[in-house]
Amino acid sequence: AKKKPEKVVNPLFEKRPKQFGIGGALPPKKDLHRFVKWPK
């Protein structure tokens, strides 16, 4: 078994993954142009 080289983690930059659940982070903006119900 080959030993995987350990990643060097910088303590200054902590990884904080976003949670897009209810009450969590806001999702990224999408282009909703095609879904808009335009006036007649």
All heavy atoms as atom14 arrays in JSON, in Angstrom:
{
  "sequence": "AKKKPEKVVNPLFEKRPKQFGIGGALPPKKDLHRFVKWPK",
  "atom14_mask": [
    [1, 1, 1, 1, 1, 0, 0, 0, 0, 0, 0, 0, 0, 0],
    [1, 1, 1, 1, 1, 1, 1, 1, 1, 0, 0, 0, 0, 0],
    [1, 1, 1, 1, 1, 1, 1, 1, 1, 0, 0, 0, 0, 0],
    [1, 1, 1, 1, 1, 1, 1, 1, 1, 0, 0, 0, 0, 0],
    [1, 1, 1, 1, 1, 1, 1, 0, 0, 0, 0, 0, 0, 0],
    [1, 1, 1, 1, 1, 1, 1, 1, 1, 0, 0, 0, 0, 0],
    [1, 1, 1, 1, 1, 1, 1, 1, 1, 0, 0, 0, 0, 0],
    [1, 1, 1, 1, 1, 1, 1, 0, 0, 0, 0, 0, 0, 0],
    [1, 1, 1, 1, 1, 1, 1, 0, 0, 0, 0, 0, 0, 0],
    [1, 1, 1, 1, 1, 1, 1, 1, 0, 0, 0, 0, 0, 0],
    [1, 1, 1, 1, 1, 1, 1, 0, 0, 0, 0, 0, 0, 0],
    [1, 1, 1, 1, 1, 1, 1, 1, 0, 0, 0, 0, 0, 0],
    [1, 1, 1, 1, 1, 1, 1, 1, 1, 1, 1, 0, 0, 0],
    [1, 1, 1, 1, 1, 1, 1, 1, 1, 0, 0, 0, 0, 0],
    [1, 1, 1, 1, 1, 1, 1, 1, 1, 0, 0, 0, 0, 0],
    [1, 1, 1, 1, 1, 1, 1, 1, 1, 1, 1, 0, 0, 0],
    [1, 1, 1, 1, 1, 1, 1, 0, 0, 0, 0, 0, 0, 0],
    [1, 1, 1, 1, 1, 1, 1, 1, 1, 0, 0, 0, 0, 0],
    [1, 1, 1, 1, 1, 1, 1, 1, 1, 0, 0, 0, 0, 0],
    [1, 1, 1, 1, 1, 1, 1, 1, 1, 1, 1, 0, 0, 0],
    [1, 1, 1, 1, 0, 0, 0, 0, 0, 0, 0, 0, 0, 0],
    [1, 1, 1, 1, 1, 1, 1, 1, 0, 0, 0, 0, 0, 0],
    [1, 1, 1, 1, 0, 0, 0, 0, 0, 0, 0, 0, 0, 0],
    [1, 1, 1, 1, 0, 0, 0, 0, 0, 0, 0, 0, 0, 0],
    [1, 1, 1, 1, 1, 0, 0, 0, 0, 0, 0, 0, 0, 0],
    [1, 1, 1, 1, 1, 1, 1, 1, 0, 0, 0, 0, 0, 0],
    [1, 1, 1, 1, 1, 1, 1, 0, 0, 0, 0, 0, 0, 0],
    [1, 1, 1, 1, 1, 1, 1, 0, 0, 0, 0, 0, 0, 0],
    [1, 1, 1, 1, 1, 1, 1, 1, 1, 0, 0, 0, 0, 0],
    [1, 1, 1, 1, 1, 1, 1, 1, 1, 0, 0, 0, 0, 0],
    [1, 1, 1, 1, 1, 1, 1, 1, 0, 0, 0, 0, 0, 0],
    [1, 1, 1, 1, 1, 1, 1, 1, 0, 0, 0, 0, 0, 0],
    [1, 1, 1, 1, 1, 1, 1, 1, 1, 1, 0, 0, 0, 0],
    [1, 1, 1, 1, 1, 1, 1, 1, 1, 1, 1, 0, 0, 0],
    [1, 1, 1, 1, 1, 1, 1, 1, 1, 1, 1, 0, 0, 0],
    [1, 1, 1, 1, 1, 1, 1, 0, 0, 0, 0, 0, 0, 0],
    [1, 1, 1, 1, 1, 1, 1, 1, 1, 0, 0, 0, 0, 0],
    [1, 1, 1, 1, 1, 1, 1, 1, 1, 1, 1, 1, 1, 1],
    [1, 1, 1, 1, 1, 1, 1, 0, 0, 0, 0, 0, 0, 0],
    [1, 1, 1, 1, 1, 1, 1, 1, 1, 0, 0, 0, 0, 0]
  ],
  "atom14_positions": [
    [[0.85, -1.22, 0.0], [0.0, 0.0, 0.0], [0.87, 1.25, 0.0], [1.8, 1.36, 0.81], [-0.9, -0.01, 1.22], [0.0, 0.0, 0.0], [0.0, 0.0, 0.0], [0.0, 0.0, 0.0], [0.0, 0.0, 0.0], [0.0, 0.0, 0.0], [0.0, 0.0, 0.0], [0.0, 0.0, 0.0], [0.0, 0.0, 0.0], [0.0, 0.0, 0.0]],
    [[0.56, 2.13, -0.98], [1.33, 3.38, -1.09], [0.82, 4.4, -0.08], [-0.39, 4.54, 0.11], [1.21, 3.97, -2.5], [1.96, 3.16, -3.54], [1.8, 3.81, -4.91], [2.51, 2.98, -5.97], [2.32, 3.6, -7.31], [0.0, 0.0, 0.0], [0.0, 0.0, 0.0], [0.0, 0.0, 0.0], [0.0, 0.0, 0.0], [0.0, 0.0, 0.0]],
    [[1.74, 5.06, 0.53], [1.34, 6.09, 1.49], [1.02, 7.39, 0.75], [1.8, 7.84, -0.09], [2.48, 6.34, 2.49], [2.64, 5.25, 3.51], [3.71, 5.61, 4.52], [3.86, 4.52, 5.56], [4.92, 4.88, 6.55], [0.0, 0.0, 0.0], [0.0, 0.0, 0.0], [0.0, 0.0, 0.0], [0.0, 0.0, 0.0], [0.0, 0.0, 0.0]],
    [[-0.19, 7.93, 1.04], [-0.59, 9.2, 0.41], [0.1, 10.35, 1.13], [0.12, 10.39, 2.36], [-2.11, 9.37, 0.48], [-2.87, 8.43, -0.43], [-4.35, 8.68, -0.35], [-5.1, 7.71, -1.26], [-6.57, 7.91, -1.16], [0.0, 0.0, 0.0], [0.0, 0.0, 0.0], [0.0, 0.0, 0.0], [0.0, 0.0, 0.0], [0.0, 0.0, 0.0]],
    [[0.63, 11.28, 0.33], [1.29, 12.43, 0.98], [0.25, 13.3, 1.67], [-0.81, 13.61, 1.11], [1.95, 13.17, -0.19], [1.2, 12.75, -1.4], [0.71, 11.37, -1.14], [0.0, 0.0, 0.0], [0.0, 0.0, 0.0], [0.0, 0.0, 0.0], [0.0, 0.0, 0.0], [0.0, 0.0, 0.0], [0.0, 0.0, 0.0], [0.0, 0.0, 0.0]],
    [[0.51, 13.64, 2.9], [-0.44, 14.46, 3.68], [-0.44, 15.89, 3.17], [0.61, 16.47, 2.88], [-0.07, 14.44, 5.16], [-0.3, 13.09, 5.8], [0.05, 13.11, 7.29], [0.42, 14.2, 7.77], [-0.06, 12.07, 7.92], [0.0, 0.0, 0.0], [0.0, 0.0, 0.0], [0.0, 0.0, 0.0], [0.0, 0.0, 0.0], [0.0, 0.0, 0.0]],
    [[-1.67, 16.45, 3.03], [-1.8, 17.83, 2.57], [-1.43, 18.78, 3.69], [-1.85, 18.6, 4.84], [-3.24, 18.11, 2.11], [-3.57, 17.51, 0.77], [-4.96, 17.92, 0.34], [-5.29, 17.32, -1.02], [-6.67, 17.67, -1.44], [0.0, 0.0, 0.0], [0.0, 0.0, 0.0], [0.0, 0.0, 0.0], [0.0, 0.0, 0.0], [0.0, 0.0, 0.0]],
    [[-0.68, 19.78, 3.3], [-0.29, 20.8, 4.29], [-1.43, 21.8, 4.41], [-1.8, 22.45, 3.43], [1.02, 21.52, 3.85], [1.41, 22.57, 4.88], [2.13, 20.51, 3.66], [0.0, 0.0, 0.0], [0.0, 0.0, 0.0], [0.0, 0.0, 0.0], [0.0, 0.0, 0.0], [0.0, 0.0, 0.0], [0.0, 0.0, 0.0], [0.0, 0.0, 0.0]],
    [[-2.03, 21.86, 5.58], [-3.16, 22.76, 5.83], [-2.66, 24.04, 6.46], [-1.93, 24.01, 7.46], [-4.22, 22.09, 6.74], [-5.4, 23.03, 6.99], [-4.69, 20.78, 6.14], [0.0, 0.0, 0.0], [0.0, 0.0, 0.0], [0.0, 0.0, 0.0], [0.0, 0.0, 0.0], [0.0, 0.0, 0.0], [0.0, 0.0, 0.0], [0.0, 0.0, 0.0]],
    [[-3.05, 25.15, 5.8], [-2.68, 26.45, 6.34], [-3.64, 26.82, 7.45], [-4.85, 26.91, 7.22], [-2.71, 27.5, 5.22], [-2.03, 28.8, 5.62], [-1.87, 29.09, 6.8], [-1.62, 29.57, 4.62], [0.0, 0.0, 0.0], [0.0, 0.0, 0.0], [0.0, 0.0, 0.0], [0.0, 0.0, 0.0], [0.0, 0.0, 0.0], [0.0, 0.0, 0.0]],
    [[-3.16, 27.04, 8.66], [-4.08, 27.35, 9.77], [-4.79, 28.7, 9.61], [-5.83, 28.93, 10.22], [-3.18, 27.33, 11.0], [-1.81, 27.6, 10.47], [-1.76, 27.01, 9.1], [0.0, 0.0, 0.0], [0.0, 0.0, 0.0], [0.0, 0.0, 0.0], [0.0, 0.0, 0.0], [0.0, 0.0, 0.0], [0.0, 0.0, 0.0], [0.0, 0.0, 0.0]],
    [[-4.23, 29.59, 8.76], [-4.85, 30.92, 8.58], [-6.13, 30.84, 7.75], [-7.04, 31.64, 7.92], [-3.85, 31.86, 7.88], [-2.59, 32.2, 8.68], [-1.64, 33.0, 7.83], [-2.94, 33.0, 9.94], [0.0, 0.0, 0.0], [0.0, 0.0, 0.0], [0.0, 0.0, 0.0], [0.0, 0.0, 0.0], [0.0, 0.0, 0.0], [0.0, 0.0, 0.0]],
    [[-6.17, 29.87, 6.81], [-7.34, 29.74, 5.93], [-8.1, 28.47, 6.28], [-7.74, 27.38, 5.86], [-6.9, 29.7, 4.46], [-6.15, 30.92, 4.03], [-4.77, 30.89, 3.9], [-6.82, 32.11, 3.81], [-4.07, 32.01, 3.53], [-6.13, 33.24, 3.43], [-4.75, 33.21, 3.3], [0.0, 0.0, 0.0], [0.0, 0.0, 0.0], [0.0, 0.0, 0.0]],
    [[-9.13, 28.64, 7.07], [-9.93, 27.49, 7.5], [-11.03, 27.21, 6.48], [-11.67, 28.13, 5.97], [-10.56, 27.82, 8.86], [-11.15, 26.6, 9.55], [-11.76, 26.95, 10.9], [-11.34, 27.95, 11.51], [-12.68, 26.23, 11.3], [0.0, 0.0, 0.0], [0.0, 0.0, 0.0], [0.0, 0.0, 0.0], [0.0, 0.0, 0.0], [0.0, 0.0, 0.0]],
    [[-11.25, 25.95, 6.15], [-12.27, 25.56, 5.17], [-13.64, 25.58, 5.83], [-13.87, 24.9, 6.83], [-11.96, 24.16, 4.64], [-12.72, 23.81, 3.37], [-12.31, 22.46, 2.86], [-13.06, 22.14, 1.59], [-12.73, 20.79, 1.09], [0.0, 0.0, 0.0], [0.0, 0.0, 0.0], [0.0, 0.0, 0.0], [0.0, 0.0, 0.0], [0.0, 0.0, 0.0]],
    [[-14.52, 26.41, 5.24], [-15.89, 26.5, 5.78], [-16.88, 26.24, 4.64], [-17.31, 27.18, 3.95], [-16.15, 27.88, 6.36], [-15.3, 28.23, 7.55], [-15.85, 29.48, 8.24], [-14.89, 29.99, 9.18], [-13.99, 30.93, 8.93], [-13.92, 31.44, 7.71], [-13.17, 31.35, 9.85], [0.0, 0.0, 0.0], [0.0, 0.0, 0.0], [0.0, 0.0, 0.0]],
    [[-17.25, 25.0, 4.38], [-18.2, 24.73, 3.29], [-19.59, 25.28, 3.61], [-20.05, 25.21, 4.76], [-18.23, 23.2, 3.21], [-17.75, 22.73, 4.54], [-16.84, 23.77, 5.08], [0.0, 0.0, 0.0], [0.0, 0.0, 0.0], [0.0, 0.0, 0.0], [0.0, 0.0, 0.0], [0.0, 0.0, 0.0], [0.0, 0.0, 0.0], [0.0, 0.0, 0.0]],
    [[-20.25, 25.84, 2.58], [-21.58, 26.43, 2.78], [-22.65, 25.36, 2.83], [-22.58, 24.38, 2.1], [-21.89, 27.41, 1.63], [-21.13, 28.71, 1.73], [-21.59, 29.66, 0.64], [-20.86, 30.99, 0.76], [-21.28, 31.94, -0.28], [0.0, 0.0, 0.0], [0.0, 0.0, 0.0], [0.0, 0.0, 0.0], [0.0, 0.0, 0.0], [0.0, 0.0, 0.0]],
    [[-23.63, 25.58, 3.71], [-24.78, 24.68, 3.8], [-25.99, 25.41, 3.2], [-26.42, 26.44, 3.7], [-25.07, 24.33, 5.27], [-23.92, 23.62, 5.97], [-23.67, 22.24, 5.4], [-24.59, 21.55, 4.98], [-22.4, 21.84, 5.37], [0.0, 0.0, 0.0], [0.0, 0.0, 0.0], [0.0, 0.0, 0.0], [0.0, 0.0, 0.0], [0.0, 0.0, 0.0]],
    [[-26.53, 24.84, 2.09], [-27.62, 25.5, 1.38], [-28.98, 25.01, 1.81], [-29.95, 25.1, 1.1], [-27.46, 25.3, -0.14], [-26.24, 25.97, -0.71], [-25.24, 25.22, -1.31], [-26.08, 27.34, -0.62], [-24.12, 25.82, -1.82], [-24.96, 27.96, -1.14], [-23.97, 27.2, -1.74], [0.0, 0.0, 0.0], [0.0, 0.0, 0.0], [0.0, 0.0, 0.0]],
    [[-29.08, 24.46, 3.0], [-30.37, 23.97, 3.5], [-31.25, 25.11, 3.96], [-30.93, 26.3, 3.82], [0.0, 0.0, 0.0], [0.0, 0.0, 0.0], [0.0, 0.0, 0.0], [0.0, 0.0, 0.0], [0.0, 0.0, 0.0], [0.0, 0.0, 0.0], [0.0, 0.0, 0.0], [0.0, 0.0, 0.0], [0.0, 0.0, 0.0], [0.0, 0.0, 0.0]],
    [[-32.39, 24.77, 4.57], [-33.33, 25.77, 5.08], [-32.66, 26.51, 6.23], [-32.15, 25.9, 7.16], [-34.66, 25.12, 5.53], [-35.38, 24.52, 4.32], [-35.57, 26.14, 6.23], [-36.48, 23.56, 4.67], [0.0, 0.0, 0.0], [0.0, 0.0, 0.0], [0.0, 0.0, 0.0], [0.0, 0.0, 0.0], [0.0, 0.0, 0.0], [0.0, 0.0, 0.0]],
    [[-32.67, 27.82, 6.13], [-32.05, 28.65, 7.16], [-30.55, 28.76, 7.01], [-29.88, 29.37, 7.84], [0.0, 0.0, 0.0], [0.0, 0.0, 0.0], [0.0, 0.0, 0.0], [0.0, 0.0, 0.0], [0.0, 0.0, 0.0], [0.0, 0.0, 0.0], [0.0, 0.0, 0.0], [0.0, 0.0, 0.0], [0.0, 0.0, 0.0], [0.0, 0.0, 0.0]],
    [[-30.0, 28.16, 5.94], [-28.55, 28.21, 5.72], [-28.15, 29.36, 4.81], [-28.83, 30.39, 4.74], [0.0, 0.0, 0.0], [0.0, 0.0, 0.0], [0.0, 0.0, 0.0], [0.0, 0.0, 0.0], [0.0, 0.0, 0.0], [0.0, 0.0, 0.0], [0.0, 0.0, 0.0], [0.0, 0.0, 0.0], [0.0, 0.0, 0.0], [0.0, 0.0, 0.0]],
    [[-27.06, 29.13, 4.1], [-26.53, 30.16, 3.21], [-27.44, 30.34, 1.99], [-28.15, 29.41, 1.59], [-25.13, 29.78, 2.76], [0.0, 0.0, 0.0], [0.0, 0.0, 0.0], [0.0, 0.0, 0.0], [0.0, 0.0, 0.0], [0.0, 0.0, 0.0], [0.0, 0.0, 0.0], [0.0, 0.0, 0.0], [0.0, 0.0, 0.0], [0.0, 0.0, 0.0]],
    [[-27.42, 31.53, 1.44], [-28.22, 31.81, 0.24], [-27.58, 31.16, -0.98], [-26.36, 31.21, -1.15], [-28.32, 33.33, 0.0], [-29.12, 34.12, 1.02], [-28.9, 35.61, 0.82], [-30.6, 33.79, 0.92], [0.0, 0.0, 0.0], [0.0, 0.0, 0.0], [0.0, 0.0, 0.0], [0.0, 0.0, 0.0], [0.0, 0.0, 0.0], [0.0, 0.0, 0.0]],
    [[-28.38, 30.51, -1.82], [-27.81, 29.86, -3.02], [-27.3, 30.89, -4.02], [-27.76, 32.04, -4.02], [-28.99, 29.08, -3.6], [-30.2, 29.76, -3.08], [-29.83, 30.34, -1.76], [0.0, 0.0, 0.0], [0.0, 0.0, 0.0], [0.0, 0.0, 0.0], [0.0, 0.0, 0.0], [0.0, 0.0, 0.0], [0.0, 0.0, 0.0], [0.0, 0.0, 0.0]],
    [[-26.35, 30.52, -4.89], [-25.85, 31.47, -5.89], [-26.95, 31.86, -6.88], [-27.85, 31.08, -7.17], [-24.73, 30.7, -6.6], [-24.99, 29.27, -6.31], [-25.68, 29.22, -4.99], [0.0, 0.0, 0.0], [0.0, 0.0, 0.0], [0.0, 0.0, 0.0], [0.0, 0.0, 0.0], [0.0, 0.0, 0.0], [0.0, 0.0, 0.0], [0.0, 0.0, 0.0]],
    [[-26.88, 33.08, -7.39], [-27.93, 33.6, -8.28], [-27.9, 32.88, -9.62], [-26.85, 32.68, -10.2], [-27.75, 35.1, -8.48], [-28.18, 35.92, -7.28], [-28.14, 37.4, -7.57], [-28.64, 38.19, -6.36], [-28.58, 39.65, -6.63], [0.0, 0.0, 0.0], [0.0, 0.0, 0.0], [0.0, 0.0, 0.0], [0.0, 0.0, 0.0], [0.0, 0.0, 0.0]],
    [[-29.1, 32.52, -10.09], [-29.25, 31.86, -11.39], [-29.9, 32.82, -12.37], [-30.61, 33.74, -11.95], [-30.13, 30.61, -11.25], [-29.48, 29.48, -10.47], [-30.43, 28.31, -10.37], [-29.85, 27.18, -9.54], [-30.79, 26.07, -9.4], [0.0, 0.0, 0.0], [0.0, 0.0, 0.0], [0.0, 0.0, 0.0], [0.0, 0.0, 0.0], [0.0, 0.0, 0.0]],
    [[-29.7, 32.59, -13.64], [-30.35, 33.38, -14.67], [-31.75, 32.8, -14.9], [-31.91, 31.76, -15.52], [-29.54, 33.35, -15.97], [-30.16, 34.22, -17.05], [-30.99, 35.07, -16.7], [-29.82, 34.05, -18.23], [0.0, 0.0, 0.0], [0.0, 0.0, 0.0], [0.0, 0.0, 0.0], [0.0, 0.0, 0.0], [0.0, 0.0, 0.0], [0.0, 0.0, 0.0]],
    [[-32.74, 33.48, -14.36], [-34.14, 33.02, -14.43], [-34.9, 33.7, -15.57], [-36.14, 33.75, -15.54], [-34.85, 33.28, -13.1], [-34.2, 32.64, -11.87], [-34.9, 33.1, -10.61], [-34.25, 31.11, -11.95], [0.0, 0.0, 0.0], [0.0, 0.0, 0.0], [0.0, 0.0, 0.0], [0.0, 0.0, 0.0], [0.0, 0.0, 0.0], [0.0, 0.0, 0.0]],
    [[-34.18, 34.22, -16.55], [-34.78, 34.98, -17.65], [-35.83, 34.17, -18.39], [-36.88, 34.67, -18.76], [-33.67, 35.41, -18.6], [-34.11, 36.34, -19.67], [-34.54, 35.9, -20.89], [-34.2, 37.69, -19.68], [-34.87, 36.95, -21.62], [-34.68, 38.04, -20.93], [0.0, 0.0, 0.0], [0.0, 0.0, 0.0], [0.0, 0.0, 0.0], [0.0, 0.0, 0.0]],
    [[-35.54, 32.88, -18.6], [-36.45, 32.02, -19.38], [-37.69, 31.62, -18.58], [-38.69, 31.18, -19.15], [-35.73, 30.77, -19.85], [-34.75, 31.03, -20.98], [-34.04, 29.76, -21.38], [-34.96, 28.76, -21.91], [-35.41, 28.71, -23.16], [-35.02, 29.63, -24.02], [-36.23, 27.78, -23.56], [0.0, 0.0, 0.0], [0.0, 0.0, 0.0], [0.0, 0.0, 0.0]],
    [[-37.64, 31.74, -17.25], [-38.75, 31.29, -16.41], [-39.69, 32.44, -16.01], [-40.69, 32.22, -15.35], [-38.21, 30.63, -15.14], [-37.25, 29.5, -15.43], [-35.89, 29.68, -15.34], [-37.74, 28.27, -15.84], [-35.01, 28.65, -15.63], [-36.87, 27.23, -16.13], [-35.5, 27.42, -16.03], [0.0, 0.0, 0.0], [0.0, 0.0, 0.0], [0.0, 0.0, 0.0]],
    [[-39.34, 33.67, -16.43], [-40.17, 34.82, -16.08], [-41.44, 34.81, -16.92], [-41.39, 34.56, -18.12], [-39.4, 36.14, -16.33], [-40.28, 37.36, -16.07], [-38.16, 36.21, -15.44], [0.0, 0.0, 0.0], [0.0, 0.0, 0.0], [0.0, 0.0, 0.0], [0.0, 0.0, 0.0], [0.0, 0.0, 0.0], [0.0, 0.0, 0.0], [0.0, 0.0, 0.0]],
    [[-42.57, 35.1, -16.29], [-43.82, 35.25, -17.05], [-43.93, 36.71, -17.45], [-44.31, 37.57, -16.64], [-45.02, 34.82, -16.21], [-46.29, 34.76, -17.06], [-47.47, 34.17, -16.33], [-48.66, 34.09, -17.27], [-49.86, 33.58, -16.6], [0.0, 0.0, 0.0], [0.0, 0.0, 0.0], [0.0, 0.0, 0.0], [0.0, 0.0, 0.0], [0.0, 0.0, 0.0]],
    [[-43.56, 36.98, -18.7], [-43.52, 38.36, -19.19], [-44.93, 38.86, -19.46], [-45.83, 38.07, -19.76], [-42.68, 38.45, -20.47], [-41.26, 38.11, -20.24], [-40.65, 36.93, -20.47], [-40.26, 38.98, -19.7], [-39.32, 36.98, -20.12], [-39.06, 38.23, -19.64], [-40.25, 40.3, -19.28], [-37.87, 38.77, -19.17], [-39.07, 40.84, -18.81], [-37.89, 40.08, -18.75]],
    [[-45.14, 40.18, -19.38], [-46.47, 40.74, -19.7], [-46.88, 40.42, -21.14], [-46.03, 40.21, -22.0], [-46.28, 42.25, -19.52], [-45.06, 42.4, -18.69], [-44.21, 41.21, -18.94], [0.0, 0.0, 0.0], [0.0, 0.0, 0.0], [0.0, 0.0, 0.0], [0.0, 0.0, 0.0], [0.0, 0.0, 0.0], [0.0, 0.0, 0.0], [0.0, 0.0, 0.0]],
    [[-48.17, 40.39, -21.36], [-48.71, 40.01, -22.67], [-48.2, 40.93, -23.78], [-47.9, 40.48, -24.89], [-50.24, 40.08, -22.62], [-50.93, 39.35, -23.76], [-50.87, 37.85, -23.58], [-51.61, 37.12, -24.69], [-51.39, 35.67, -24.63], [0.0, 0.0, 0.0], [0.0, 0.0, 0.0], [0.0, 0.0, 0.0], [0.0, 0.0, 0.0], [0.0, 0.0, 0.0]]
  ]
}
